[in-house]
């Protein structure tokens, strides 16, 4: 099972490419770094922890 590499932050809709720093929760909600920091690493959708998304090679 692979991660869905979403292309936009779910909060501010900024574009995220495969090499952007992005954060995800266990449900693959995706946020940019500034939005993640503003939410204190807690997903606004499910309340789960946001962790750095792995980058594609």
PDB file of N, CA and C in Angstrom:
ATOM      1  N   UNK A   1       0.853  -1.175   0.000  1.00  0.00           N
ATOM      2  CA  UNK A   1       0.000   0.000   0.000  1.00  0.00           C
ATOM      3  C   UNK A   1       0.897   1.235   0.000  1.00  0.00           C
ATOM      4  N   UNK A   2       0.629   2.154  -0.916  1.00  0.00           N
ATOM      5  CA  UNK A   2       1.436   3.363  -1.012  1.00  0.00           C
ATOM      6  C   UNK A   2       0.661   4.578  -0.506  1.00  0.00           C
ATOM      7  N   UNK A   3       1.410   5.574  -0.118  1.00  0.00           N
ATOM      8  CA  UNK A   3       0.796   6.822   0.331  1.00  0.00           C
ATOM      9  C   UNK A   3       0.224   7.583  -0.856  1.00  0.00           C
ATOM     10  N   UNK A   4      -0.891   8.255  -0.616  1.00  0.00           N
ATOM     11  CA  UNK A   4      -1.415   9.165  -1.620  1.00  0.00           C
ATOM     12  C   UNK A   4      -0.665  10.482  -1.455  1.00  0.00           C
ATOM     13  N   UNK A   5       0.118  10.846  -2.436  1.00  0.00           N
ATOM     14  CA  UNK A   5       0.919  12.059  -2.370  1.00  0.00           C
ATOM     15  C   UNK A   5       0.084  13.226  -2.894  1.00  0.00           C
ATOM     16  N   UNK A   6      -0.681  13.824  -2.017  1.00  0.00           N
ATOM     17  CA  UNK A   6      -1.566  14.913  -2.413  1.00  0.00           C
ATOM     18  C   UNK A   6      -0.759  16.133  -2.811  1.00  0.00           C
ATOM     19  N   UNK A   7      -1.317  16.911  -3.712  1.00  0.00           N
ATOM     20  CA  UNK A   7      -0.590  18.016  -4.342  1.00  0.00           C
ATOM     21  C   UNK A   7      -0.881  19.384  -3.744  1.00  0.00           C
ATOM     22  N   UNK A   8      -1.822  19.458  -2.754  1.00  0.00           N
ATOM     23  CA  UNK A   8      -2.157  20.750  -2.151  1.00  0.00           C
ATOM     24  C   UNK A   8      -2.319  20.612  -0.646  1.00  0.00           C
ATOM     25  N   UNK A   9      -1.953  21.665   0.051  1.00  0.00           N
ATOM     26  CA  UNK A   9      -2.195  21.750   1.487  1.00  0.00           C
ATOM     27  C   UNK A   9      -3.706  21.843   1.705  1.00  0.00           C
ATOM     28  N   UNK A  10      -4.225  21.066   2.636  1.00  0.00           N
ATOM     29  CA  UNK A  10      -5.666  21.069   2.889  1.00  0.00           C
ATOM     30  C   UNK A  10      -6.137  22.292   3.668  1.00  0.00           C
ATOM     31  N   UNK A  11      -5.214  23.105   4.139  1.00  0.00           N
ATOM     32  CA  UNK A  11      -5.593  24.301   4.884  1.00  0.00           C
ATOM     33  C   UNK A  11      -5.516  25.556   4.008  1.00  0.00           C
ATOM     34  N   UNK A  12      -4.352  25.813   3.423  1.00  0.00           N
ATOM     35  CA  UNK A  12      -4.167  27.047   2.650  1.00  0.00           C
ATOM     36  C   UNK A  12      -4.167  26.819   1.136  1.00  0.00           C
ATOM     37  N   UNK A  13      -4.248  25.587   0.699  1.00  0.00           N
ATOM     38  CA  UNK A  13      -4.255  25.155  -0.709  1.00  0.00           C
ATOM     39  C   UNK A  13      -2.970  25.478  -1.474  1.00  0.00           C
ATOM     40  N   UNK A  14      -1.859  25.737  -0.763  1.00  0.00           N
ATOM     41  CA  UNK A  14      -0.593  25.944  -1.475  1.00  0.00           C
ATOM     42  C   UNK A  14      -0.186  24.638  -2.150  1.00  0.00           C
ATOM     43  N   UNK A  15       0.478  24.761  -3.283  1.00  0.00           N
ATOM     44  CA  UNK A  15       0.883  23.587  -4.046  1.00  0.00           C
ATOM     45  C   UNK A  15       2.052  22.871  -3.379  1.00  0.00           C
ATOM     46  N   UNK A  16       2.005  21.546  -3.401  1.00  0.00           N
ATOM     47  CA  UNK A  16       3.059  20.708  -2.838  1.00  0.00           C
ATOM     48  C   UNK A  16       3.521  19.746  -3.926  1.00  0.00           C
ATOM     49  N   UNK A  17       4.797  19.802  -4.275  1.00  0.00           N
ATOM     50  CA  UNK A  17       5.298  18.833  -5.247  1.00  0.00           C
ATOM     51  C   UNK A  17       5.892  17.637  -4.499  1.00  0.00           C
ATOM     52  N   UNK A  18       6.436  16.698  -5.220  1.00  0.00           N
ATOM     53  CA  UNK A  18       6.966  15.470  -4.605  1.00  0.00           C
ATOM     54  C   UNK A  18       8.130  15.735  -3.654  1.00  0.00           C
ATOM     55  N   UNK A  19       8.799  16.871  -3.793  1.00  0.00           N
ATOM     56  CA  UNK A  19       9.956  17.173  -2.956  1.00  0.00           C
ATOM     57  C   UNK A  19       9.675  18.263  -1.919  1.00  0.00           C
ATOM     58  N   UNK A  20       8.430  18.715  -1.833  1.00  0.00           N
ATOM     59  CA  UNK A  20       8.065  19.723  -0.831  1.00  0.00           C
ATOM     60  C   UNK A  20       8.041  19.100   0.557  1.00  0.00           C
ATOM     61  N   UNK A  21       8.358  19.921   1.550  1.00  0.00           N
ATOM     62  CA  UNK A  21       8.189  19.479   2.929  1.00  0.00           C
ATOM     63  C   UNK A  21       6.704  19.565   3.242  1.00  0.00           C
ATOM     64  N   UNK A  22       6.122  18.424   3.571  1.00  0.00           N
ATOM     65  CA  UNK A  22       4.699  18.362   3.883  1.00  0.00           C
ATOM     66  C   UNK A  22       4.508  17.413   5.057  1.00  0.00           C
ATOM     67  N   UNK A  23       3.376  17.518   5.703  1.00  0.00           N
ATOM     68  CA  UNK A  23       3.069  16.702   6.876  1.00  0.00           C
ATOM     69  C   UNK A  23       1.746  15.986   6.664  1.00  0.00           C
ATOM     70  N   UNK A  24       1.658  14.746   7.166  1.00  0.00           N
ATOM     71  CA  UNK A  24       0.451  13.942   7.003  1.00  0.00           C
ATOM     72  C   UNK A  24       0.068  13.284   8.330  1.00  0.00           C
ATOM     73  N   UNK A  25      -1.213  12.907   8.441  1.00  0.00           N
ATOM     74  CA  UNK A  25      -1.682  12.121   9.584  1.00  0.00           C
ATOM     75  C   UNK A  25      -1.916  10.688   9.103  1.00  0.00           C
ATOM     76  N   UNK A  26      -2.444   9.841   9.940  1.00  0.00           N
ATOM     77  CA  UNK A  26      -2.658   8.448   9.551  1.00  0.00           C
ATOM     78  C   UNK A  26      -3.706   8.305   8.454  1.00  0.00           C
ATOM     79  N   UNK A  27      -4.554   9.312   8.274  1.00  0.00           N
ATOM     80  CA  UNK A  27      -5.554   9.282   7.199  1.00  0.00           C
ATOM     81  C   UNK A  27      -5.067   9.979   5.936  1.00  0.00           C
ATOM     82  N   UNK A  28      -3.793  10.352   5.921  1.00  0.00           N
ATOM     83  CA  UNK A  28      -3.134  11.006   4.799  1.00  0.00           C
ATOM     84  C   UNK A  28      -3.647  12.410   4.526  1.00  0.00           C
ATOM     85  N   UNK A  29      -4.266  13.047   5.542  1.00  0.00           N
ATOM     86  CA  UNK A  29      -4.558  14.478   5.426  1.00  0.00           C
ATOM     87  C   UNK A  29      -3.201  15.148   5.253  1.00  0.00           C
ATOM     88  N   UNK A  30      -3.103  16.128   4.385  1.00  0.00           N
ATOM     89  CA  UNK A  30      -1.815  16.698   4.004  1.00  0.00           C
ATOM     90  C   UNK A  30      -1.793  18.203   4.220  1.00  0.00           C
ATOM     91  N   UNK A  31      -0.719  18.687   4.857  1.00  0.00           N
ATOM     92  CA  UNK A  31      -0.580  20.103   5.160  1.00  0.00           C
ATOM     93  C   UNK A  31       0.855  20.559   4.895  1.00  0.00           C
ATOM     94  N   UNK A  32       1.007  21.837   4.534  1.00  0.00           N
ATOM     95  CA  UNK A  32       2.344  22.416   4.361  1.00  0.00           C
ATOM     96  C   UNK A  32       2.960  22.663   5.739  1.00  0.00           C
ATOM     97  N   UNK A  33       4.239  22.966   5.750  1.00  0.00           N
ATOM     98  CA  UNK A  33       4.948  23.182   7.012  1.00  0.00           C
ATOM     99  C   UNK A  33       4.381  24.351   7.828  1.00  0.00           C
ATOM    100  N   UNK A  34       4.151  25.542   7.223  1.00  0.00           N
ATOM    101  CA  UNK A  34       3.611  26.644   8.025  1.00  0.00           C
ATOM    102  C   UNK A  34       2.244  26.325   8.651  1.00  0.00           C
ATOM    103  N   UNK A  35       1.368  25.674   7.908  1.00  0.00           N
ATOM    104  CA  UNK A  35       0.050  25.325   8.457  1.00  0.00           C
ATOM    105  C   UNK A  35       0.182  24.283   9.558  1.00  0.00           C
ATOM    106  N   UNK A  36       1.074  23.317   9.381  1.00  0.00           N
ATOM    107  CA  UNK A  36       1.301  22.291  10.401  1.00  0.00           C
ATOM    108  C   UNK A  36       1.794  22.934  11.692  1.00  0.00           C
ATOM    109  N   UNK A  37       2.731  23.868  11.569  1.00  0.00           N
ATOM    110  CA  UNK A  37       3.247  24.556  12.754  1.00  0.00           C
ATOM    111  C   UNK A  37       2.146  25.367  13.431  1.00  0.00           C
ATOM    112  N   UNK A  38       1.285  26.015  12.651  1.00  0.00           N
ATOM    113  CA  UNK A  38       0.188  26.800  13.225  1.00  0.00           C
ATOM    114  C   UNK A  38      -0.815  25.909  13.958  1.00  0.00           C
ATOM    115  N   UNK A  39      -0.969  24.665  13.496  1.00  0.00           N
ATOM    116  CA  UNK A  39      -1.898  23.717  14.129  1.00  0.00           C
ATOM    117  C   UNK A  39      -1.221  22.916  15.235  1.00  0.00           C
ATOM    118  N   UNK A  40       0.052  23.238  15.502  1.00  0.00           N
ATOM    119  CA  UNK A  40       0.831  22.554  16.549  1.00  0.00           C
ATOM    120  C   UNK A  40       0.911  21.040  16.318  1.00  0.00           C
ATOM    121  N   UNK A  41       1.110  20.657  15.058  1.00  0.00           N
ATOM    122  CA  UNK A  41       1.289  19.271  14.623  1.00  0.00           C
ATOM    123  C   UNK A  41       0.090  18.360  14.943  1.00  0.00           C
ATOM    124  N   UNK A  42      -1.112  18.932  15.028  1.00  0.00           N
ATOM    125  CA  UNK A  42      -2.329  18.159  15.260  1.00  0.00           C
ATOM    126  C   UNK A  42      -3.259  18.360  14.062  1.00  0.00           C
ATOM    127  N   UNK A  43      -3.696  17.265  13.451  1.00  0.00           N
ATOM    128  CA  UNK A  43      -4.577  17.334  12.284  1.00  0.00           C
ATOM    129  C   UNK A  43      -5.912  17.956  12.674  1.00  0.00           C
ATOM    130  N   UNK A  44      -6.320  18.952  11.926  1.00  0.00           N
ATOM    131  CA  UNK A  44      -7.592  19.622  12.223  1.00  0.00           C
ATOM    132  C   UNK A  44      -8.788  18.763  11.831  1.00  0.00           C
ATOM    133  N   UNK A  45      -8.562  17.764  10.975  1.00  0.00           N
ATOM    134  CA  UNK A  45      -9.658  16.901  10.515  1.00  0.00           C
ATOM    135  C   UNK A  45      -9.964  15.774  11.484  1.00  0.00           C
ATOM    136  N   UNK A  46      -8.923  15.108  11.995  1.00  0.00           N
ATOM    137  CA  UNK A  46      -9.144  13.905  12.816  1.00  0.00           C
ATOM    138  C   UNK A  46      -8.532  13.994  14.207  1.00  0.00           C
ATOM    139  N   UNK A  47      -7.728  15.033  14.460  1.00  0.00           N
ATOM    140  CA  UNK A  47      -7.094  15.173  15.763  1.00  0.00           C
ATOM    141  C   UNK A  47      -5.838  14.345  15.935  1.00  0.00           C
ATOM    142  N   UNK A  48      -5.404  13.678  14.866  1.00  0.00           N
ATOM    143  CA  UNK A  48      -4.204  12.852  14.930  1.00  0.00           C
ATOM    144  C   UNK A  48      -2.924  13.657  14.794  1.00  0.00           C
ATOM    145  N   UNK A  49      -1.817  13.007  15.097  1.00  0.00           N
ATOM    146  CA  UNK A  49      -0.500  13.639  15.004  1.00  0.00           C
ATOM    147  C   UNK A  49      -0.101  13.811  13.543  1.00  0.00           C
ATOM    148  N   UNK A  50       0.459  14.961  13.223  1.00  0.00           N
ATOM    149  CA  UNK A  50       1.001  15.201  11.889  1.00  0.00           C
ATOM    150  C   UNK A  50       2.498  14.942  11.922  1.00  0.00           C
ATOM    151  N   UNK A  51       2.964  14.121  10.991  1.00  0.00           N
ATOM    152  CA  UNK A  51       4.384  13.799  10.876  1.00  0.00           C
ATOM    153  C   UNK A  51       4.853  14.114   9.461  1.00  0.00           C
ATOM    154  N   UNK A  52       6.147  14.304   9.331  1.00  0.00           N
ATOM    155  CA  UNK A  52       6.703  14.667   8.028  1.00  0.00           C
ATOM    156  C   UNK A  52       6.457  13.555   7.007  1.00  0.00           C
ATOM    157  N   UNK A  53       5.963  13.955   5.864  1.00  0.00           N
ATOM    158  CA  UNK A  53       5.693  13.027   4.763  1.00  0.00           C
ATOM    159  C   UNK A  53       7.010  12.643   4.098  1.00  0.00           C
ATOM    160  N   UNK A  54       7.195  11.360   3.799  1.00  0.00           N
ATOM    161  CA  UNK A  54       8.420  10.969   3.091  1.00  0.00           C
ATOM    162  C   UNK A  54       8.430  11.555   1.682  1.00  0.00           C
ATOM    163  N   UNK A  55       9.616  11.820   1.171  1.00  0.00           N
ATOM    164  CA  UNK A  55       9.742  12.362  -0.183  1.00  0.00           C
ATOM    165  C   UNK A  55       9.960  11.234  -1.171  1.00  0.00           C
ATOM    166  N   UNK A  56       9.469  11.433  -2.384  1.00  0.00           N
ATOM    167  CA  UNK A  56       9.723  10.468  -3.469  1.00  0.00           C
ATOM    168  C   UNK A  56      11.159  10.660  -3.943  1.00  0.00           C
ATOM    169  N   UNK A  57      11.740   9.600  -4.414  1.00  0.00           N
ATOM    170  CA  UNK A  57      13.102   9.699  -4.951  1.00  0.00           C
ATOM    171  C   UNK A  57      13.094   9.784  -6.438  1.00  0.00           C
TER     172      UNK A  57
END
